[in-house]
Amino acid sequence: MVVFCDRLPKPRETVLGGQFQMFGGEKGANQAVTAARAGGAVIFLEAHEADSFGTDVRERLIKEDINVD
């Protein structure tokens, strides 16, 4: 989850955020996608929560032809 701000906060300061976006990008999943795109046969084993975040990660990996069984 990313919130874009005009600047970084100073120590002990709160700044208001602007645009909000969500990106996939955990290290292991990124490496699995890179290997699959390079032509590797990838099997990915990881525990995911039964919520929208876990479902999204699983669907993205499947779209990249990564075996998540």
PDB file of N, CA and C in Angstrom:
ATOM      1  N   MET A   1       0.849  -1.162   0.000  1.00  0.00           N
ATOM      2  CA  MET A   1       0.000   0.000   0.000  1.00  0.00           C
ATOM      3  C   MET A   1       0.898   1.229   0.000  1.00  0.00           C
ATOM      4  N   VAL A   2       0.637   2.153  -0.908  1.00  0.00           N
ATOM      5  CA  VAL A   2       1.483   3.330  -1.072  1.00  0.00           C
ATOM      6  C   VAL A   2       0.613   4.579  -1.067  1.00  0.00           C
ATOM      7  N   VAL A   3       1.020   5.563  -0.282  1.00  0.00           N
ATOM      8  CA  VAL A   3       0.387   6.883  -0.301  1.00  0.00           C
ATOM      9  C   VAL A   3       1.446   7.874  -0.755  1.00  0.00           C
ATOM     10  N   PHE A   4       1.154   8.613  -1.795  1.00  0.00           N
ATOM     11  CA  PHE A   4       2.098   9.586  -2.325  1.00  0.00           C
ATOM     12  C   PHE A   4       1.931  10.913  -1.593  1.00  0.00           C
ATOM     13  N   CYS A   5       3.046  11.525  -1.226  1.00  0.00           N
ATOM     14  CA  CYS A   5       3.051  12.811  -0.519  1.00  0.00           C
ATOM     15  C   CYS A   5       3.935  13.788  -1.285  1.00  0.00           C
ATOM     16  N   ASP A   6       3.716  15.066  -1.045  1.00  0.00           N
ATOM     17  CA  ASP A   6       4.536  16.094  -1.694  1.00  0.00           C
ATOM     18  C   ASP A   6       5.965  16.091  -1.176  1.00  0.00           C
ATOM     19  N   ARG A   7       6.124  15.655   0.087  1.00  0.00           N
ATOM     20  CA  ARG A   7       7.470  15.639   0.680  1.00  0.00           C
ATOM     21  C   ARG A   7       7.486  14.644   1.827  1.00  0.00           C
ATOM     22  N   LEU A   8       8.694  14.284   2.259  1.00  0.00           N
ATOM     23  CA  LEU A   8       8.839  13.408   3.415  1.00  0.00           C
ATOM     24  C   LEU A   8       8.591  14.207   4.696  1.00  0.00           C
ATOM     25  N   PRO A   9       8.016  13.596   5.703  1.00  0.00           N
ATOM     26  CA  PRO A   9       7.805  14.315   6.968  1.00  0.00           C
ATOM     27  C   PRO A   9       9.122  14.523   7.711  1.00  0.00           C
ATOM     28  N   LYS A  10       9.164  15.602   8.462  1.00  0.00           N
ATOM     29  CA  LYS A  10      10.289  15.848   9.363  1.00  0.00           C
ATOM     30  C   LYS A  10      10.082  14.989  10.615  1.00  0.00           C
ATOM     31  N   PRO A  11      11.110  14.798  11.427  1.00  0.00           N
ATOM     32  CA  PRO A  11      10.925  14.002  12.653  1.00  0.00           C
ATOM     33  C   PRO A  11       9.731  14.493  13.477  1.00  0.00           C
ATOM     34  N   ARG A  12       8.892  13.550  13.932  1.00  0.00           N
ATOM     35  CA  ARG A  12       7.705  13.793  14.751  1.00  0.00           C
ATOM     36  C   ARG A  12       6.631  14.627  14.040  1.00  0.00           C
ATOM     37  N   GLU A  13       6.702  14.762  12.736  1.00  0.00           N
ATOM     38  CA  GLU A  13       5.718  15.521  11.967  1.00  0.00           C
ATOM     39  C   GLU A  13       4.799  14.556  11.214  1.00  0.00           C
ATOM     40  N   THR A  14       3.557  14.937  11.087  1.00  0.00           N
ATOM     41  CA  THR A  14       2.604  14.194  10.282  1.00  0.00           C
ATOM     42  C   THR A  14       2.289  15.010   9.042  1.00  0.00           C
ATOM     43  N   VAL A  15       2.340  14.373   7.884  1.00  0.00           N
ATOM     44  CA  VAL A  15       1.955  15.063   6.648  1.00  0.00           C
ATOM     45  C   VAL A  15       0.742  14.353   6.059  1.00  0.00           C
ATOM     46  N   LEU A  16      -0.101  15.108   5.390  1.00  0.00           N
ATOM     47  CA  LEU A  16      -1.268  14.519   4.746  1.00  0.00           C
ATOM     48  C   LEU A  16      -0.847  13.873   3.437  1.00  0.00           C
ATOM     49  N   GLY A  17      -1.394  12.694   3.181  1.00  0.00           N
ATOM     50  CA  GLY A  17      -1.084  11.986   1.946  1.00  0.00           C
ATOM     51  C   GLY A  17      -1.993  12.425   0.823  1.00  0.00           C
ATOM     52  N   GLY A  18      -1.636  12.009  -0.353  1.00  0.00           N
ATOM     53  CA  GLY A  18      -2.423  12.308  -1.538  1.00  0.00           C
ATOM     54  C   GLY A  18      -2.944  11.034  -2.162  1.00  0.00           C
ATOM     55  N   GLN A  19      -2.496  10.774  -3.359  1.00  0.00           N
ATOM     56  CA  GLN A  19      -2.945   9.614  -4.121  1.00  0.00           C
ATOM     57  C   GLN A  19      -2.568   8.314  -3.409  1.00  0.00           C
ATOM     58  N   PHE A  20      -3.481   7.364  -3.410  1.00  0.00           N
ATOM     59  CA  PHE A  20      -3.272   6.056  -2.780  1.00  0.00           C
ATOM     60  C   PHE A  20      -3.324   4.983  -3.850  1.00  0.00           C
ATOM     61  N   GLN A  21      -2.348   4.059  -3.840  1.00  0.00           N
ATOM     62  CA  GLN A  21      -2.353   2.931  -4.763  1.00  0.00           C
ATOM     63  C   GLN A  21      -1.880   1.679  -4.050  1.00  0.00           C
ATOM     64  N   MET A  22      -2.295   0.539  -4.571  1.00  0.00           N
ATOM     65  CA  MET A  22      -1.839  -0.737  -4.025  1.00  0.00           C
ATOM     66  C   MET A  22      -1.078  -1.478  -5.117  1.00  0.00           C
ATOM     67  N   PHE A  23       0.076  -2.037  -4.748  1.00  0.00           N
ATOM     68  CA  PHE A  23       0.920  -2.775  -5.672  1.00  0.00           C
ATOM     69  C   PHE A  23       1.284  -4.113  -5.047  1.00  0.00           C
ATOM     70  N   GLY A  24       1.391  -5.145  -5.877  1.00  0.00           N
ATOM     71  CA  GLY A  24       1.988  -6.381  -5.415  1.00  0.00           C
ATOM     72  C   GLY A  24       3.489  -6.158  -5.375  1.00  0.00           C
ATOM     73  N   GLY A  25       4.178  -6.872  -4.549  1.00  0.00           N
ATOM     74  CA  GLY A  25       5.608  -6.647  -4.572  1.00  0.00           C
ATOM     75  C   GLY A  25       6.373  -7.264  -3.433  1.00  0.00           C
ATOM     76  N   GLU A  26       5.925  -8.366  -2.921  1.00  0.00           N
ATOM     77  CA  GLU A  26       6.734  -8.997  -1.896  1.00  0.00           C
ATOM     78  C   GLU A  26       7.928  -9.645  -2.575  1.00  0.00           C
ATOM     79  N   LYS A  27       9.037  -9.717  -1.874  1.00  0.00           N
ATOM     80  CA  LYS A  27      10.299 -10.158  -2.463  1.00  0.00           C
ATOM     81  C   LYS A  27      10.208 -11.525  -3.129  1.00  0.00           C
ATOM     82  N   GLY A  28       9.681 -12.525  -2.426  1.00  0.00           N
ATOM     83  CA  GLY A  28       9.614 -13.873  -2.984  1.00  0.00           C
ATOM     84  C   GLY A  28       8.747 -13.947  -4.223  1.00  0.00           C
ATOM     85  N   ALA A  29       7.607 -13.277  -4.200  1.00  0.00           N
ATOM     86  CA  ALA A  29       6.715 -13.288  -5.361  1.00  0.00           C
ATOM     87  C   ALA A  29       7.368 -12.591  -6.544  1.00  0.00           C
ATOM     88  N   ASN A  30       8.073 -11.499  -6.293  1.00  0.00           N
ATOM     89  CA  ASN A  30       8.775 -10.800  -7.377  1.00  0.00           C
ATOM     90  C   ASN A  30       9.818 -11.708  -8.022  1.00  0.00           C
ATOM     91  N   GLN A  31      10.540 -12.446  -7.198  1.00  0.00           N
ATOM     92  CA  GLN A  31      11.548 -13.365  -7.725  1.00  0.00           C
ATOM     93  C   GLN A  31      10.902 -14.487  -8.524  1.00  0.00           C
ATOM     94  N   ALA A  32       9.769 -14.993  -8.059  1.00  0.00           N
ATOM     95  CA  ALA A  32       9.063 -16.051  -8.783  1.00  0.00           C
ATOM     96  C   ALA A  32       8.589 -15.549 -10.140  1.00  0.00           C
ATOM     97  N   VAL A  33       8.045 -14.353 -10.191  1.00  0.00           N
ATOM     98  CA  VAL A  33       7.578 -13.777 -11.456  1.00  0.00           C
ATOM     99  C   VAL A  33       8.754 -13.587 -12.415  1.00  0.00           C
ATOM    100  N   THR A  34       9.860 -13.081 -11.906  1.00  0.00           N
ATOM    101  CA  THR A  34      11.038 -12.878 -12.754  1.00  0.00           C
ATOM    102  C   THR A  34      11.513 -14.195 -13.348  1.00  0.00           C
ATOM    103  N   ALA A  35      11.574 -15.248 -12.528  1.00  0.00           N
ATOM    104  CA  ALA A  35      12.008 -16.554 -13.017  1.00  0.00           C
ATOM    105  C   ALA A  35      11.032 -17.106 -14.050  1.00  0.00           C
ATOM    106  N   ALA A  36       9.730 -16.935 -13.816  1.00  0.00           N
ATOM    107  CA  ALA A  36       8.727 -17.428 -14.768  1.00  0.00           C
ATOM    108  C   ALA A  36       8.816 -16.668 -16.089  1.00  0.00           C
ATOM    109  N   ARG A  37       8.993 -15.362 -16.015  1.00  0.00           N
ATOM    110  CA  ARG A  37       9.094 -14.568 -17.247  1.00  0.00           C
ATOM    111  C   ARG A  37      10.370 -14.891 -18.015  1.00  0.00           C
ATOM    112  N   ALA A  38      11.383 -15.376 -17.322  1.00  0.00           N
ATOM    113  CA  ALA A  38      12.634 -15.771 -17.978  1.00  0.00           C
ATOM    114  C   ALA A  38      12.533 -17.180 -18.565  1.00  0.00           C
ATOM    115  N   GLY A  39      11.386 -17.830 -18.409  1.00  0.00           N
ATOM    116  CA  GLY A  39      11.171 -19.121 -19.010  1.00  0.00           C
ATOM    117  C   GLY A  39      11.260 -20.296 -18.052  1.00  0.00           C
ATOM    118  N   GLY A  40      11.460 -20.026 -16.780  1.00  0.00           N
ATOM    119  CA  GLY A  40      11.562 -21.104 -15.802  1.00  0.00           C
ATOM    120  C   GLY A  40      10.211 -21.688 -15.441  1.00  0.00           C
ATOM    121  N   ALA A  41      10.220 -22.949 -15.052  1.00  0.00           N
ATOM    122  CA  ALA A  41       9.022 -23.605 -14.519  1.00  0.00           C
ATOM    123  C   ALA A  41       9.043 -23.359 -13.010  1.00  0.00           C
ATOM    124  N   VAL A  42       8.135 -22.541 -12.515  1.00  0.00           N
ATOM    125  CA  VAL A  42       8.179 -22.074 -11.130  1.00  0.00           C
ATOM    126  C   VAL A  42       7.029 -22.651 -10.320  1.00  0.00           C
ATOM    127  N   ILE A  43       7.370 -23.168  -9.150  1.00  0.00           N
ATOM    128  CA  ILE A  43       6.382 -23.582  -8.162  1.00  0.00           C
ATOM    129  C   ILE A  43       6.569 -22.654  -6.967  1.00  0.00           C
ATOM    130  N   PHE A  44       5.490 -22.022  -6.511  1.00  0.00           N
ATOM    131  CA  PHE A  44       5.583 -21.046  -5.424  1.00  0.00           C
ATOM    132  C   PHE A  44       4.795 -21.561  -4.222  1.00  0.00           C
ATOM    133  N   LEU A  45       5.464 -21.663  -3.101  1.00  0.00           N
ATOM    134  CA  LEU A  45       4.839 -22.147  -1.871  1.00  0.00           C
ATOM    135  C   LEU A  45       4.902 -21.047  -0.829  1.00  0.00           C
ATOM    136  N   GLU A  46       3.732 -20.613  -0.364  1.00  0.00           N
ATOM    137  CA  GLU A  46       3.680 -19.555   0.636  1.00  0.00           C
ATOM    138  C   GLU A  46       2.317 -19.602   1.307  1.00  0.00           C
ATOM    139  N   ALA A  47       2.266 -19.186   2.545  1.00  0.00           N
ATOM    140  CA  ALA A  47       0.988 -19.092   3.255  1.00  0.00           C
ATOM    141  C   ALA A  47       0.386 -17.716   2.995  1.00  0.00           C
ATOM    142  N   HIS A  48      -0.887 -17.695   2.634  1.00  0.00           N
ATOM    143  CA  HIS A  48      -1.607 -16.436   2.401  1.00  0.00           C
ATOM    144  C   HIS A  48      -2.829 -16.401   3.292  1.00  0.00           C
ATOM    145  N   GLU A  49      -3.203 -15.233   3.706  1.00  0.00           N
ATOM    146  CA  GLU A  49      -4.440 -15.044   4.451  1.00  0.00           C
ATOM    147  C   GLU A  49      -5.628 -15.253   3.514  1.00  0.00           C
ATOM    148  N   ALA A  50      -6.756 -15.587   4.076  1.00  0.00           N
ATOM    149  CA  ALA A  50      -7.977 -15.774   3.294  1.00  0.00           C
ATOM    150  C   ALA A  50      -8.723 -14.448   3.185  1.00  0.00           C
ATOM    151  N   ASP A  51      -8.019 -13.433   2.705  1.00  0.00           N
ATOM    152  CA  ASP A  51      -8.627 -12.119   2.524  1.00  0.00           C
ATOM    153  C   ASP A  51      -8.315 -11.638   1.108  1.00  0.00           C
ATOM    154  N   SER A  52      -8.711 -10.420   0.784  1.00  0.00           N
ATOM    155  CA  SER A  52      -8.524  -9.919  -0.578  1.00  0.00           C
ATOM    156  C   SER A  52      -7.044  -9.793  -0.944  1.00  0.00           C
ATOM    157  N   PHE A  53      -6.171  -9.501   0.018  1.00  0.00           N
ATOM    158  CA  PHE A  53      -4.748  -9.384  -0.286  1.00  0.00           C
ATOM    159  C   PHE A  53      -4.173 -10.741  -0.701  1.00  0.00           C
ATOM    160  N   GLY A  54      -4.493 -11.779   0.050  1.00  0.00           N
ATOM    161  CA  GLY A  54      -4.023 -13.121  -0.282  1.00  0.00           C
ATOM    162  C   GLY A  54      -4.582 -13.609  -1.607  1.00  0.00           C
ATOM    163  N   THR A  55      -5.862 -13.338  -1.850  1.00  0.00           N
ATOM    164  CA  THR A  55      -6.494 -13.729  -3.106  1.00  0.00           C
ATOM    165  C   THR A  55      -5.845 -13.014  -4.284  1.00  0.00           C
ATOM    166  N   ASP A  56      -5.555 -11.718  -4.132  1.00  0.00           N
ATOM    167  CA  ASP A  56      -4.928 -10.942  -5.208  1.00  0.00           C
ATOM    168  C   ASP A  56      -3.551 -11.485  -5.554  1.00  0.00           C
ATOM    169  N   VAL A  57      -2.749 -11.798  -4.534  1.00  0.00           N
ATOM    170  CA  VAL A  57      -1.410 -12.338  -4.780  1.00  0.00           C
ATOM    171  C   VAL A  57      -1.518 -13.654  -5.538  1.00  0.00           C
ATOM    172  N   ARG A  58      -2.382 -14.524  -5.079  1.00  0.00           N
ATOM    173  CA  ARG A  58      -2.557 -15.834  -5.724  1.00  0.00           C
ATOM    174  C   ARG A  58      -2.969 -15.670  -7.187  1.00  0.00           C
ATOM    175  N   GLU A  59      -3.923 -14.798  -7.460  1.00  0.00           N
ATOM    176  CA  GLU A  59      -4.389 -14.587  -8.835  1.00  0.00           C
ATOM    177  C   GLU A  59      -3.295 -14.013  -9.722  1.00  0.00           C
ATOM    178  N   ARG A  60      -2.487 -13.084  -9.179  1.00  0.00           N
ATOM    179  CA  ARG A  60      -1.390 -12.516  -9.968  1.00  0.00           C
ATOM    180  C   ARG A  60      -0.360 -13.583 -10.324  1.00  0.00           C
ATOM    181  N   LEU A  61      -0.044 -14.472  -9.370  1.00  0.00           N
ATOM    182  CA  LEU A  61       0.926 -15.528  -9.631  1.00  0.00           C
ATOM    183  C   LEU A  61       0.392 -16.504 -10.686  1.00  0.00           C
ATOM    184  N   ILE A  62      -0.873 -16.850 -10.598  1.00  0.00           N
ATOM    185  CA  ILE A  62      -1.480 -17.760 -11.575  1.00  0.00           C
ATOM    186  C   ILE A  62      -1.430 -17.139 -12.969  1.00  0.00           C
ATOM    187  N   LYS A  63      -1.698 -15.844 -13.084  1.00  0.00           N
ATOM    188  CA  LYS A  63      -1.645 -15.164 -14.382  1.00  0.00           C
ATOM    189  C   LYS A  63      -0.239 -15.186 -14.972  1.00  0.00           C
ATOM    190  N   GLU A  64       0.765 -15.323 -14.129  1.00  0.00           N
ATOM    191  CA  GLU A  64       2.156 -15.385 -14.597  1.00  0.00           C
ATOM    192  C   GLU A  64       2.593 -16.831 -14.877  1.00  0.00           C
ATOM    193  N   ASP A  65       1.626 -17.764 -14.922  1.00  0.00           N
ATOM    194  CA  ASP A  65       1.898 -19.190 -15.156  1.00  0.00           C
ATOM    195  C   ASP A  65       2.793 -19.797 -14.093  1.00  0.00           C
ATOM    196  N   ILE A  66       2.586 -19.380 -12.842  1.00  0.00           N
ATOM    197  CA  ILE A  66       3.322 -19.927 -11.704  1.00  0.00           C
ATOM    198  C   ILE A  66       2.417 -20.930 -11.005  1.00  0.00           C
ATOM    199  N   ASN A  67       2.955 -22.107 -10.739  1.00  0.00           N
ATOM    200  CA  ASN A  67       2.198 -23.162 -10.076  1.00  0.00           C
ATOM    201  C   ASN A  67       2.080 -22.817  -8.581  1.00  0.00           C
ATOM    202  N   VAL A  68       0.854 -22.613  -8.128  1.00  0.00           N
ATOM    203  CA  VAL A  68       0.612 -22.291  -6.716  1.00  0.00           C
ATOM    204  C   VAL A  68      -0.167 -23.405  -6.014  1.00  0.00           C
ATOM    205  N   ASP A  69      -0.259 -24.576  -6.673  1.00  0.00           N
ATOM    206  CA  ASP A  69      -0.964 -25.701  -6.062  1.00  0.00           C
ATOM    207  C   ASP A  69      -0.256 -26.181  -4.829  1.00  0.00           C
TER     208      ASP A  69
END
